[in-house]
Protein backbone atom coordinates (compact mmCIF):
# COMPACT_ATOMS: atom_id res chain seq x y z
CA MET A 1 94.39 146.44 244.19
CA SER A 2 94.52 149.93 245.72
CA LYS A 3 95.26 153.30 244.18
CA VAL A 4 97.89 154.97 246.35
CA GLU A 5 99.62 158.35 246.63
CA ILE A 6 102.83 158.86 248.65
CA ILE A 7 103.77 162.41 249.65
CA GLY A 8 106.94 163.67 251.33
CA PRO A 9 109.72 166.29 251.29
CA LYS A 10 112.01 166.19 248.25
CA GLU A 11 115.17 165.46 250.22
CA LEU A 12 113.66 162.12 251.28
CA LEU A 13 112.76 160.97 247.75
CA LEU A 14 115.66 158.56 247.19
CA PRO A 15 115.37 156.96 250.67
CA VAL A 16 111.63 156.50 250.07
CA LEU A 17 112.25 154.91 246.66
CA GLU A 18 114.85 152.65 248.25
CA LEU A 19 112.31 151.50 250.87
CA LEU A 20 109.70 150.86 248.16
CA LYS A 21 112.25 148.77 246.30
CA GLN A 22 113.02 146.73 249.40
CA LEU A 23 109.33 146.05 250.08
CA GLY A 24 108.60 145.18 246.43
CA VAL A 25 104.84 145.79 246.66
CA PHE A 26 104.39 149.14 244.87
CA GLN A 27 104.09 149.81 241.13
CA VAL A 28 104.82 153.42 240.21
CA GLU A 29 102.33 155.05 237.81
CA PRO A 30 103.87 157.76 235.59
CA ASP A 31 100.47 159.09 234.44
CA ILE A 32 98.96 161.42 237.04
CA SER A 33 95.49 161.55 235.47
CA GLY A 34 92.99 160.31 238.02
CA PHE A 35 95.40 160.96 240.90
CA VAL A 36 95.41 164.76 240.90
CA ALA A 37 92.17 166.70 241.31
CA GLU A 38 90.82 168.52 238.27
CA GLY A 39 92.26 172.01 237.94
CA LYS A 40 95.33 171.09 240.01
CA GLU A 41 97.34 169.42 237.22
CA ALA A 42 99.24 172.64 236.46
CA GLU A 43 100.60 172.73 240.01
CA VAL A 44 102.15 169.26 239.68
CA ARG A 45 105.03 168.61 237.30
CA SER A 46 107.42 165.77 236.56
CA LEU A 47 110.34 165.76 238.95
CA LEU A 48 113.60 166.97 237.46
CA LEU A 49 116.87 165.74 238.92
CA ASP A 50 118.97 168.47 240.48
CA GLU A 51 122.48 169.10 239.17
CA LYS A 52 124.07 166.90 241.84
CA SER A 53 121.77 163.93 241.20
CA LEU A 54 122.18 164.26 237.43
CA ALA A 55 125.98 164.31 237.74
CA GLN A 56 125.78 161.31 240.07
CA ARG A 57 123.70 159.37 237.54
CA ILE A 58 126.17 160.09 234.72
CA TYR A 59 129.07 159.12 237.00
CA PHE A 60 127.41 155.84 238.00
CA GLU A 61 126.48 154.93 234.42
CA ASP A 62 130.05 155.53 233.25
CA LEU A 63 131.44 153.36 236.06
CA ARG A 64 128.86 150.68 235.26
CA ARG A 65 130.03 150.54 231.63
CA LYS A 66 133.66 150.21 232.71
CA ILE A 67 132.84 147.35 235.08
CA ASP A 68 130.84 145.64 232.32
CA ASP A 69 133.86 145.88 230.00
CA LEU A 70 136.11 144.39 232.68
CA CYS A 71 133.74 141.55 233.56
CA ALA A 72 133.33 140.70 229.87
CA CYS A 73 137.11 140.31 229.66
CA PHE A 74 137.37 137.98 232.67
CA PRO A 75 137.01 134.19 232.32
CA VAL A 76 134.18 132.42 234.15
CA VAL A 77 135.59 131.45 237.54
CA ALA A 78 134.00 130.59 240.88
CA VAL A 79 134.43 133.52 243.26
CA ARG A 80 133.40 134.21 246.82
CA LYS A 81 130.52 136.56 247.60
CA SER A 82 131.72 140.03 248.50
CA TYR A 83 130.10 141.92 251.38
CA LEU A 84 131.81 145.21 250.55
CA ASP A 85 129.81 148.40 251.09
CA PRO A 86 130.56 150.24 247.82
CA GLN A 87 129.07 153.55 248.91
CA SER A 88 131.97 154.39 251.22
CA VAL A 89 134.70 153.52 248.68
CA ILE A 90 133.01 154.23 245.35
CA ASP A 91 135.58 156.89 244.36
CA VAL A 92 138.47 154.51 245.07
CA ILE A 93 136.72 151.76 243.09
CA ALA A 94 136.18 154.14 240.17
CA ALA A 95 139.86 155.14 240.08
CA THR A 96 140.96 151.50 240.31
CA ALA A 97 138.54 150.46 237.58
CA GLU A 98 139.98 153.18 235.33
CA LYS A 99 143.47 151.68 235.70
CA HIS A 100 142.24 148.12 235.25
CA VAL A 101 140.31 149.01 232.10
CA ALA A 102 143.37 150.69 230.61
CA TYR A 103 145.62 147.70 231.37
CA PHE A 104 143.33 144.74 230.80
CA GLY A 105 141.58 146.38 227.87
CA GLY A 106 144.87 146.22 225.98
CA ILE A 107 145.46 142.64 227.09
CA CYS A 108 141.99 141.58 225.96
CA LEU A 109 142.48 143.26 222.58
CA LYS A 110 145.79 141.43 222.22
CA LYS A 111 144.13 138.14 223.16
CA GLU A 112 141.35 138.71 220.63
CA ALA A 113 143.90 139.45 217.89
CA MET A 114 145.75 136.25 218.77
CA ARG A 115 142.51 134.28 218.69
CA ARG A 116 141.70 135.67 215.24
CA GLU A 117 145.13 134.68 213.97
CA GLU A 118 144.74 131.26 215.57
CA ARG A 119 141.36 130.81 213.84
CA ASP A 120 142.88 131.84 210.50
CA LEU A 121 145.76 129.40 210.87
CA GLY A 122 143.43 126.79 212.31
CA ARG A 123 141.90 126.33 208.88
CA TYR A 124 145.16 124.66 207.83
CA THR A 125 145.35 122.20 210.72
CA ALA A 126 143.30 119.65 208.78
CA PHE A 127 146.08 119.23 206.21
CA LEU A 128 149.28 120.46 207.90
CA GLY A 129 150.12 116.99 209.19
CA ALA A 130 149.38 115.41 205.82
CA ILE A 131 151.54 117.97 203.95
CA GLU A 132 154.38 117.48 206.42
CA ASN A 133 154.33 113.74 205.71
CA LEU A 134 154.32 114.37 201.97
CA LEU A 135 157.27 116.76 202.21
CA ALA A 136 159.19 114.15 204.16
CA GLY A 137 158.77 111.74 201.24
CA VAL A 138 159.83 114.21 198.52
CA GLU A 139 163.50 114.57 197.75
CA ALA A 140 164.66 118.08 198.54
CA ARG A 141 166.09 119.11 195.18
CA THR A 142 167.11 122.61 194.24
CA GLY A 143 165.22 124.40 191.50
CA LEU A 144 161.93 122.76 192.40
CA ASP A 145 158.73 124.47 193.47
CA PHE A 146 156.02 122.86 195.60
CA ILE A 147 152.29 123.42 195.10
CA GLY A 148 149.72 122.07 197.54
CA VAL A 149 146.19 121.30 196.32
CA THR A 150 142.96 119.91 197.75
CA ILE A 151 141.14 117.42 195.56
CA ARG A 152 137.45 116.93 196.27
CA GLU A 153 137.01 113.74 194.23
CA PRO A 154 139.75 111.05 194.25
CA GLU A 155 139.03 110.11 190.62
CA LEU A 156 140.27 113.56 189.54
CA VAL A 157 143.85 112.64 190.52
CA GLU A 158 144.47 110.75 187.26
CA ASN A 159 143.02 113.61 185.24
CA LEU A 160 145.35 115.98 187.11
CA ARG A 161 148.35 113.76 186.28
CA LEU A 162 147.53 113.97 182.57
CA ILE A 163 147.25 117.77 182.73
CA LEU A 164 150.57 118.08 184.59
CA ALA A 165 152.30 115.74 182.16
CA ARG A 166 151.11 117.84 179.23
CA LEU A 167 152.16 121.14 180.84
CA THR A 168 155.58 120.04 182.13
CA GLY A 169 156.55 117.45 179.58
CA GLY A 170 156.52 114.85 182.33
CA ARG A 171 158.86 116.84 184.58
CA PHE A 172 156.72 116.70 187.71
CA GLU A 173 155.90 114.54 190.67
CA ILE A 174 152.61 114.36 192.59
CA VAL A 175 151.96 112.50 195.78
CA THR A 176 148.61 112.36 197.61
CA THR A 177 147.28 111.46 201.00
CA LYS A 178 144.14 111.98 203.06
CA ALA A 179 143.86 114.71 205.67
CA ALA A 180 142.24 114.22 209.07
CA ASP A 181 138.87 115.42 207.74
CA GLY A 182 138.96 112.99 204.77
CA THR A 183 139.97 115.57 202.13
CA VAL A 184 142.50 114.35 199.54
CA ILE A 185 145.66 116.47 199.77
CA GLY A 186 148.08 116.57 196.85
CA LEU A 187 151.65 117.90 196.72
CA ILE A 188 152.96 118.77 193.27
CA SER A 189 156.70 119.23 192.77
CA THR A 190 157.92 120.63 189.47
CA ALA A 191 160.52 122.98 188.02
CA LYS A 192 160.01 126.63 188.93
CA GLU A 193 159.59 127.68 185.29
CA PHE A 194 156.40 125.59 185.13
CA SER A 195 154.90 126.89 188.40
CA GLU A 196 152.79 129.74 187.00
CA ARG A 197 151.56 127.60 184.11
CA VAL A 198 150.52 124.82 186.52
CA LYS A 199 148.76 127.26 188.86
CA ARG A 200 146.73 128.74 185.97
CA ALA A 201 145.73 125.25 184.90
CA LEU A 202 144.65 124.39 188.44
CA SER A 203 142.48 127.51 188.51
CA ASP A 204 140.92 126.62 185.15
CA GLU A 205 140.13 123.11 186.36
CA HIS A 206 138.68 124.49 189.64
CA ILE A 207 141.19 122.61 191.74
CA PRO A 208 141.85 124.86 194.77
CA GLU A 209 145.44 125.58 195.70
CA LEU A 210 146.42 125.67 199.35
CA SER A 211 146.67 129.37 200.14
CA PHE A 212 148.43 130.95 203.11
CA PRO A 213 148.20 134.40 204.72
CA PRO A 214 150.10 137.24 202.93
CA SER A 215 152.71 137.25 205.72
CA PHE A 216 153.85 133.83 204.44
CA ASP A 217 154.63 135.07 200.92
CA HIS A 218 158.41 135.39 201.45
CA LEU A 219 158.67 131.76 202.58
CA SER A 220 159.07 128.64 200.51
CA PHE A 221 156.34 126.03 200.69
CA PRO A 222 158.16 123.79 203.21
CA GLU A 223 159.00 126.87 205.30
CA LYS A 224 155.34 127.90 205.27
CA ILE A 225 154.32 124.56 206.74
CA ASN A 226 156.93 124.72 209.49
CA PHE A 227 156.21 128.36 210.28
CA ALA A 228 152.42 127.73 210.51
CA GLN A 229 152.94 124.93 213.01
CA GLN A 230 155.37 126.98 215.08
CA ARG A 231 153.07 130.00 215.04
CA LEU A 232 150.06 127.96 216.16
CA ALA A 233 152.05 126.63 219.11
CA GLU A 234 153.20 130.18 220.01
CA LEU A 235 149.64 131.51 219.83
CA ALA A 236 148.28 128.71 222.03
CA ALA A 237 150.99 129.37 224.63
CA GLY A 238 150.39 133.14 224.51
CA ILE A 239 146.62 132.80 224.91
CA ALA A 240 147.08 130.35 227.80
CA ALA A 241 149.44 132.81 229.54
CA ILE A 242 146.90 135.64 229.17
CA ASP A 243 144.11 133.39 230.47
CA ARG A 244 146.17 132.50 233.54
CA GLU A 245 146.79 136.17 234.25
CA LEU A 246 143.10 136.99 233.83
CA GLU A 247 142.10 134.10 236.11
CA ARG A 248 144.47 135.32 238.82
CA PHE A 249 143.08 138.83 238.52
CA ALA A 250 139.46 137.60 238.47
CA GLY A 251 140.09 135.61 241.65
CA ARG A 252 141.09 138.84 243.41
CA TRP A 253 138.77 141.43 241.89
CA LEU A 254 135.77 139.83 240.17
CA ALA A 255 133.72 139.40 243.39
CA ILE A 256 134.35 143.05 244.29
CA TYR A 257 133.34 144.31 240.87
CA GLN A 258 130.21 142.12 240.85
CA ARG A 259 129.17 143.57 244.21
CA VAL A 260 129.82 147.12 243.01
CA ARG A 261 127.82 146.43 239.84
CA GLU A 262 124.85 145.21 241.91
CA TRP A 263 125.04 148.35 244.05
CA LEU A 264 125.25 150.56 240.96
CA ASP A 265 122.21 148.82 239.46
CA ASP A 266 120.25 149.57 242.63
CA ARG A 267 121.28 153.23 242.68
CA LEU A 268 120.64 153.73 238.97
CA SER A 269 117.22 152.08 239.21
CA LEU A 270 116.31 154.56 241.95
CA LEU A 271 117.48 157.49 239.86
CA ARG A 272 115.63 156.22 236.79
CA GLN A 273 112.48 155.60 238.82
CA SER A 274 112.55 159.22 239.93
CA ALA A 275 111.65 160.16 236.34
CA MET A 276 108.13 158.83 237.08
CA VAL A 277 107.81 160.89 240.26
CA HIS A 278 106.04 164.27 240.34
CA GLU A 279 106.63 167.35 242.44
CA THR A 280 105.33 170.72 243.49
CA CYS A 281 107.40 173.58 244.80
CA MET A 282 107.27 171.99 248.26
CA CYS A 283 107.18 168.17 248.06
CA PHE A 284 107.25 165.07 245.88
CA PHE A 285 104.33 162.84 244.87
CA ILE A 286 104.64 159.15 244.02
CA HIS A 287 101.49 157.70 242.47
CA GLY A 288 100.88 154.04 241.87
CA TRP A 289 99.19 150.77 242.67
CA MET A 290 99.66 148.11 245.31
CA PRO A 291 97.75 145.16 246.82
CA SER A 292 95.13 146.47 249.26
CA ALA A 293 96.38 144.14 252.00
CA ASP A 294 99.82 145.80 251.93
CA VAL A 295 98.72 149.46 252.19
CA ALA A 296 98.70 149.44 256.00
CA LEU A 297 102.14 147.78 256.08
CA LEU A 298 103.58 150.42 253.74
CA GLY A 299 102.13 153.24 255.86
CA LYS A 300 103.61 151.71 259.00
CA GLU A 301 107.06 151.29 257.41
CA LEU A 302 107.13 154.85 256.04
CA ASN A 303 105.94 156.33 259.32
CA GLY A 304 108.53 154.38 261.33
CA ARG A 305 111.43 155.07 258.96
CA PHE A 306 110.77 158.78 258.37
CA SER A 307 109.06 159.83 261.62
CA GLY A 308 105.77 160.80 260.00
CA LYS A 309 107.35 163.08 257.37
CA VAL A 310 106.15 160.80 254.54
CA VAL A 311 102.46 159.88 254.33
CA VAL A 312 100.45 157.35 252.34
CA GLU A 313 96.95 158.11 251.09
CA GLU A 314 94.65 155.53 249.52
CA LYS A 315 92.77 157.27 246.69
CA ARG A 316 89.26 156.53 245.53
CA MET A 317 89.15 154.26 242.48
CA LEU A 318 87.50 156.04 239.53
CA GLU A 319 85.69 154.37 236.66
CA GLU A 320 88.31 155.55 234.17
CA ASP A 321 90.98 153.88 236.32
CA LEU A 322 89.58 150.40 235.74
CA ASP A 323 91.26 150.06 232.34
CA ARG A 324 94.75 150.64 233.74
CA VAL A 325 94.64 149.01 237.17
CA PRO A 326 97.38 146.34 237.13
CA VAL A 327 96.47 142.73 237.76
CA ALA A 328 98.27 140.18 239.93
CA LEU A 329 97.09 136.60 240.28
CA LYS A 330 96.99 135.65 243.95
CA ASN A 331 95.38 132.41 245.04
CA PRO A 332 95.19 130.13 248.10
CA THR A 333 97.64 127.24 248.41
CA TYR A 334 95.31 124.69 246.81
CA PHE A 335 94.62 126.78 243.70
CA LYS A 336 98.08 128.32 243.26
CA PRO A 337 99.57 125.44 241.17
CA PHE A 338 96.74 125.91 238.64
CA GLU A 339 98.19 129.32 237.77
CA LEU A 340 100.44 127.23 235.52
CA PHE A 341 97.44 126.79 233.20
CA ALA A 342 96.04 130.27 233.83
CA ARG A 343 99.32 131.82 232.62
CA LEU A 344 98.73 130.24 229.21
CA LEU A 345 95.89 132.73 228.78
CA PRO A 346 96.20 136.49 228.28
CA LEU A 347 96.06 138.31 231.59
CA PRO A 348 92.42 139.11 232.53
CA ARG A 349 91.32 142.70 232.97
CA TYR A 350 90.87 144.06 236.47
CA THR A 351 87.06 144.05 236.04
CA SER A 352 87.07 140.40 234.99
CA PHE A 353 87.62 137.24 237.04
CA ASP A 354 90.72 135.24 237.90
CA PRO A 355 90.42 132.00 235.88
CA THR A 356 92.70 130.07 238.26
CA THR A 357 89.98 129.19 240.77
CA PHE A 358 87.70 127.75 238.11
CA ILE A 359 90.52 125.69 236.59
CA GLY A 360 91.34 124.40 240.07
CA ILE A 361 87.72 123.29 240.58
CA PHE A 362 86.82 121.85 237.19
CA PHE A 363 90.11 120.60 235.70
CA PRO A 364 90.68 117.76 238.23
CA LEU A 365 86.97 116.92 238.01
CA PHE A 366 87.10 116.52 234.22
CA PHE A 367 90.42 114.68 234.43
CA GLY A 368 88.99 112.20 236.92
CA MET A 369 85.77 111.74 234.95
CA ILE A 370 87.72 110.91 231.79
CA LEU A 371 90.48 108.66 233.18
CA GLY A 372 88.50 107.26 236.15
CA ASP A 373 90.59 104.20 237.03
CA VAL A 374 91.94 103.29 240.47
CA GLY A 375 95.03 101.54 239.07
CA TYR A 376 95.99 104.40 236.78
CA GLY A 377 95.24 106.90 239.53
CA LEU A 378 97.57 105.12 241.97
CA ILE A 379 100.41 105.12 239.42
CA LEU A 380 99.96 108.84 238.74
CA LEU A 381 99.78 109.50 242.48
CA VAL A 382 103.14 107.79 243.00
CA VAL A 383 104.68 109.68 240.05
CA ALA A 384 103.44 112.99 241.47
CA LEU A 385 104.86 112.23 244.93
CA ILE A 386 108.24 111.24 243.44
CA LEU A 387 108.39 114.48 241.43
CA LEU A 388 107.54 116.55 244.50
CA LYS A 389 110.25 114.80 246.50
CA ARG A 390 112.97 114.92 243.83
CA VAL A 391 112.36 118.33 242.23
CA LYS A 392 112.91 121.22 244.63
CA LYS A 393 113.84 124.26 242.54
CA ARG A 394 111.90 124.10 239.26
CA ALA A 395 108.65 125.84 240.13
CA ALA A 396 106.82 124.86 236.93
CA VAL A 397 107.60 121.16 237.43
CA ARG A 398 106.49 121.30 241.07
CA ASP A 399 103.24 123.03 240.10
CA GLY A 400 102.64 120.36 237.45
CA ALA A 401 103.33 117.63 240.01
CA LYS A 402 100.84 119.19 242.45
CA ILE A 403 98.19 119.35 239.72
CA LEU A 404 98.92 115.70 238.87
CA LEU A 405 98.60 114.80 242.57
CA ILE A 406 95.17 116.42 242.83
CA SER A 407 94.01 115.01 239.48
CA SER A 408 95.18 111.49 240.37
CA THR A 409 93.10 111.68 243.56
CA TYR A 410 90.01 112.51 241.50
CA THR A 411 90.95 109.67 239.14
CA ILE A 412 90.96 107.21 242.05
CA VAL A 413 87.61 108.53 243.36
CA PHE A 414 85.93 108.19 239.96
CA GLY A 415 87.64 104.82 239.50
CA LEU A 416 85.85 103.63 242.64
CA PHE A 417 82.63 105.16 241.29
CA TYR A 418 83.04 103.30 237.97
CA GLY A 419 84.45 100.13 239.59
CA GLU A 420 87.58 100.19 237.39
CA PHE A 421 91.04 98.93 238.35
CA PHE A 422 93.11 98.69 235.17
CA GLY A 423 89.83 98.43 233.31
CA SER A 424 87.72 95.43 234.26
CA LEU A 425 90.68 93.64 235.88
CA GLY A 426 89.55 94.57 239.38
CA THR A 427 86.01 93.25 239.00
CA THR A 428 87.32 90.12 237.23
CA LEU A 429 89.76 89.27 240.02
CA THR A 430 87.44 90.10 242.92
CA GLY A 431 84.16 89.02 241.39
CA LEU A 432 82.51 92.21 242.66
CA GLU A 433 79.95 94.11 240.66
CA THR A 434 80.44 97.70 239.51
CA PRO A 435 79.49 99.92 242.50
CA PHE A 436 77.52 102.61 240.64
CA ILE A 437 77.87 102.71 236.86
CA SER A 438 79.78 100.79 234.20
CA ARG A 439 81.08 103.12 231.51
CA GLU A 440 81.31 100.26 229.03
CA ARG A 441 77.64 99.33 229.41
CA GLY A 442 76.17 102.60 230.65
CA VAL A 443 76.91 104.92 227.72
CA ALA A 444 73.61 106.82 227.98
CA PRO A 445 73.90 107.62 231.72
CA MET A 446 77.51 108.74 231.20
CA LEU A 447 76.43 110.96 228.32
CA ILE A 448 73.73 112.55 230.47
CA PHE A 449 76.21 113.00 233.32
CA SER A 450 78.73 114.70 230.99
CA LEU A 451 76.13 116.99 229.44
CA THR A 452 74.85 117.93 232.90
CA VAL A 453 78.35 118.97 233.94
CA GLY A 454 78.62 120.94 230.69
CA LEU A 455 75.29 122.64 231.36
CA VAL A 456 76.43 123.66 234.84
CA GLN A 457 79.75 125.07 233.62
CA VAL A 458 78.34 126.93 230.61
CA VAL A 459 75.54 128.47 232.71
CA LEU A 460 78.12 129.42 235.33
CA GLY A 461 80.22 131.06 232.61
CA LEU A 462 77.22 133.02 231.33
CA SER A 463 76.35 134.04 234.90
CA LEU A 464 79.86 135.36 235.45
CA GLY A 465 79.61 137.17 232.11
CA PHE A 466 76.35 138.72 233.31
CA LEU A 467 78.00 139.92 236.54
CA SER A 468 80.96 141.30 234.60
CA ALA A 469 78.63 143.22 232.28
CA VAL A 470 76.76 144.63 235.30
CA ARG A 471 80.08 145.79 236.77
CA ARG A 472 80.92 147.59 233.53
CA LYS A 473 77.35 148.93 233.32
CA THR A 474 76.83 147.52 229.82
CA LYS A 475 73.12 146.85 230.21
CA ARG A 476 72.54 145.41 226.73
CA GLU A 477 75.25 142.78 227.16
CA ALA A 478 74.04 141.95 230.67
CA LEU A 479 70.49 141.40 229.41
CA PHE A 480 71.78 139.30 226.51
CA LYS A 481 73.72 137.01 228.88
CA LEU A 482 70.72 136.74 231.25
CA LEU A 483 68.34 135.78 228.43
CA ASN A 484 70.77 133.10 227.24
CA ILE A 485 70.80 131.64 230.76
CA ILE A 486 67.00 131.64 230.96
CA ILE A 487 66.57 130.02 227.53
CA ILE A 488 69.17 127.30 228.21
CA LEU A 489 67.61 126.46 231.59
CA CYS A 490 64.13 126.35 230.03
CA LEU A 491 65.34 124.02 227.28
CA ALA A 492 67.00 121.81 229.88
CA ALA A 493 63.78 121.72 231.94
CA LEU A 494 61.71 120.75 228.88
CA LEU A 495 64.21 118.05 227.96
CA VAL A 496 64.12 116.63 231.48
CA SER A 497 60.31 116.61 231.41
CA PHE A 498 60.40 114.00 228.63
CA PHE A 499 62.07 111.62 231.11
CA GLU A 500 59.36 112.38 233.70
CA LEU A 501 61.91 113.93 236.04
CA PHE A 502 60.16 117.30 235.79
CA PRO A 503 56.45 117.90 236.54
CA HIS A 504 54.45 118.05 233.29
CA VAL A 505 52.20 120.68 234.79
CA LEU A 506 55.09 123.14 234.70
CA ALA A 507 55.95 122.44 231.07
CA GLY A 508 53.40 124.98 229.80
CA PRO A 509 54.68 127.94 231.86
CA VAL A 510 58.26 126.99 231.01
CA MET A 511 57.39 126.99 227.29
CA ALA A 512 55.79 130.43 227.64
CA VAL A 513 58.86 131.81 229.40
CA LEU A 514 61.04 130.24 226.70
CA LEU A 515 59.14 131.87 223.83
CA ALA A 516 59.11 135.25 225.56
CA ALA A 517 62.84 135.03 226.25
CA VAL A 518 63.61 134.10 222.62
CA LEU A 519 61.59 137.05 221.30
CA LEU A 520 63.27 139.43 223.75
CA LEU A 521 66.66 137.95 222.79
CA ILE A 522 66.05 138.76 219.11
CA VAL A 523 64.91 142.28 220.01
CA THR A 524 67.97 143.02 222.16
CA GLY A 525 70.59 141.10 220.18
CA GLY A 526 69.31 141.31 216.63
CA LEU A 527 68.91 138.52 214.10
CA LEU A 528 72.35 137.12 214.95
CA ALA A 529 71.38 136.56 218.59
CA PRO A 530 69.92 133.08 217.93
CA LEU A 531 73.25 132.07 216.40
CA GLU A 532 75.01 132.99 219.63
CA LEU A 533 72.41 130.96 221.51
CA LEU A 534 73.03 127.96 219.25
CA LYS A 535 76.75 128.38 219.86
CA ASN A 536 76.17 128.17 223.62
CA ILE A 537 74.04 125.04 223.17
CA GLY A 538 76.79 123.58 220.97
CA ASN A 539 79.28 124.32 223.72
CA ILE A 540 77.19 122.23 226.12
CA ILE A 541 77.01 119.35 223.63
CA SER A 542 80.80 119.58 223.31
CA TYR A 543 81.08 118.21 226.85
CA ALA A 544 80.02 114.83 225.45
CA ARG A 545 83.73 114.38 224.72
CA ILE A 546 84.16 113.61 228.44
CA MET A 547 82.05 110.48 227.96
CA ALA A 548 83.56 109.58 224.58
CA ILE A 549 87.23 109.86 225.57
CA GLY A 550 86.59 108.11 228.87
CA LEU A 551 84.83 105.28 227.06
CA ALA A 552 87.77 104.91 224.65
CA SER A 553 90.13 104.69 227.63
CA VAL A 554 88.19 101.93 229.39
CA LEU A 555 87.74 99.97 226.16
CA LEU A 556 91.49 100.06 225.51
CA ALA A 557 92.15 98.93 229.09
CA ASN A 558 89.76 96.00 228.66
CA VAL A 559 91.34 95.10 225.31
CA ALA A 560 94.72 94.99 227.08
CA ASN A 561 93.31 92.61 229.69
CA ARG A 562 91.70 90.33 227.10
CA LEU A 563 94.80 90.17 224.88
CA GLY A 564 96.93 89.41 227.92
CA GLY A 565 94.57 86.56 228.84
CA MET A 566 94.58 85.13 225.31
CA THR A 567 98.34 84.49 225.28
CA GLY A 568 98.03 81.37 227.44
CA ASP A 569 101.16 82.26 229.39
CA VAL A 570 101.29 84.28 232.59
CA VAL A 571 104.57 86.09 231.86
CA THR A 572 103.78 86.81 228.21
CA GLY A 573 100.26 87.89 229.11
CA ALA A 574 101.54 90.22 231.81
CA VAL A 575 104.03 91.80 229.37
CA VAL A 576 101.42 92.27 226.63
CA ALA A 577 98.83 93.67 229.03
CA GLY A 578 101.44 95.85 230.75
CA LEU A 579 102.60 97.41 227.47
CA LEU A 580 99.05 98.19 226.37
CA HIS A 581 98.17 99.59 229.79
CA ALA A 582 101.31 101.77 229.64
CA VAL A 583 100.23 103.15 226.25
CA ASN A 584 96.73 103.73 227.59
CA LEU A 585 98.10 105.47 230.67
CA VAL A 586 100.22 107.85 228.56
CA LEU A 587 97.20 108.63 226.40
CA GLY A 588 95.14 108.85 229.57
CA VAL A 589 97.37 111.63 230.89
CA PHE A 590 97.67 113.76 227.76
CA SER A 591 94.17 113.38 226.35
CA PRO A 592 92.24 114.39 229.51
CA THR A 593 94.66 117.28 230.04
CA ILE A 594 94.23 118.63 226.52
CA GLN A 595 90.47 118.10 226.38
CA SER A 596 89.86 119.52 229.86
CA LEU A 597 91.85 122.65 229.05
CA ARG A 598 90.01 122.98 225.74
CA LEU A 599 86.65 122.87 227.52
CA HIS A 600 87.88 125.62 229.84
CA TYR A 601 89.52 127.86 227.25
CA VAL A 602 86.89 127.58 224.49
CA GLU A 603 83.57 126.61 226.03
CA PHE A 604 83.84 128.21 229.48
CA PHE A 605 86.17 131.23 229.53
CA SER A 606 84.73 132.63 226.29
CA LYS A 607 81.54 133.40 228.22
CA PHE A 608 83.02 135.85 230.71
CA LEU A 609 86.79 136.26 230.63
CA GLU A 610 88.01 139.66 229.40
CA ALA A 611 91.61 139.64 228.22
CA GLY A 612 93.89 142.66 228.07
CA GLY A 613 94.88 143.10 231.70
CA ARG A 614 97.96 145.08 232.69
CA ARG A 615 100.49 142.98 234.60
CA PHE A 616 101.38 144.13 238.12
CA GLU A 617 105.12 144.86 238.01
CA PRO A 618 106.18 146.27 241.38
CA PHE A 619 109.36 148.24 241.88
CA LYS A 620 111.66 145.72 243.57
CA LYS A 621 115.17 144.41 243.78
CA ASP A 622 116.38 142.09 241.03
CA ARG A 623 116.90 138.59 242.33
């Protein structure tokens, strides 16, 4: 990443910002500390928009709000892409938008009011049909009042009959039915002089009466039912008519307004970005960061577009800049898919290391060591190829498929190393011996192999931590990391000497170096330093899980083969073995993934990775 300053005459500021946005490689830095020489800060000030630019920004923001209001009113319809150049007709568009907002704003308010009324009346649709049927079965007699009720529990109907009989002296009639939602609807008909008494009793018994909006008060109960149904039909027709009008309008104008809104967003982003630009009495200054490989391209573009009037200067990176330099992960094609796992971590600081490369090296290795079966590897290879062929647009899925493709290749390689094809099925069918090592019988060699890999990765992590501390000039931390490396390597050498793989004559000097390093470690790190050392040793031992999980996988595969053979039937045996192998394969995908990532995140990255990086967010067009 490079620290860059762009200088040019003020009248070219917006065109320069527009070019930076098109290139999408430059992140503007609002803080000028570290960019301007000491004693010169007073000569540089934040750029203030002139009266014309300020008025233009207010004008654009007002038009943007109006277009947002219009687009929110329109239905979702498929429209063509507009290639209109808004700059030449922006005043005409603004005047037209003013008229459209005035007209369609009223229509949308009317539609919203109709929808609210429709929702209010819609609460009655569950029982309107049932009430209509009840009214059809009740003799229309003068002097009667009708009361509709909802009854939650059917057994309350008889209790309600007794209450009504007591209140009216038997001068009532009640009929019930079920509404569409299963609620019991009752229609009580009684003389009008008993109506208030019955309603009070219903309230006391907590039996809800069917209530209607206040506008229905002047209507009788049967008229309320008819009016509600008619009004719902009118509202549906009115809303449909408004929707048709809005669809016709959207078909003509929505594409234009969407194009104008995109153009306004671009212009407003330029004007807002100018708030992070600085100026003197003569020119503007844009400070920021960009990838070092793109500095020459930016200089060439600015020189060609503005005839040398705008210049780019790459500034010297200062030590105080290291905490704010933005970070962008950029990796070769092979490692790029592994950024999927790297993004699960906090962004590393600029002075730290990109974890993607290490995940790309060690993750497939661990995955293959754990699963290590040619048959399983071939299945995963086919699955990865199918995903890559079928999925074209979902980047995360494609990255996962590429990781699976690489990991399945390692699985096949280690499967050949272990001599496993769906467990011991391959050796059983072919009669061949295991080429190198049998995981089922060679537990000790596999354990040593796993711990050796752990030793290499932990020492590598400590070495990277040492380099990172040297970069930051934290000598105490650098010495602490170096002593841990020396002690761990000495312990490993002494351990190997017991197996006569290391010359005994060197054991004495190694022991002397070990004791000296431990004493120096306590002096530099304090009494807690040995605990950190033990933690690092524990991290190495943690890699034994590679052997343990791999052993569990091969044992389950062999159990599947044996159970399949014990059935005495080819078809049944194939089904039983196939199901168990399928379970083992699913476990064999998730378990190595989780355990491999854990070894990276906990045992490895904790040795050197510094979190807290600032994400590189270049000024660019929204896609």
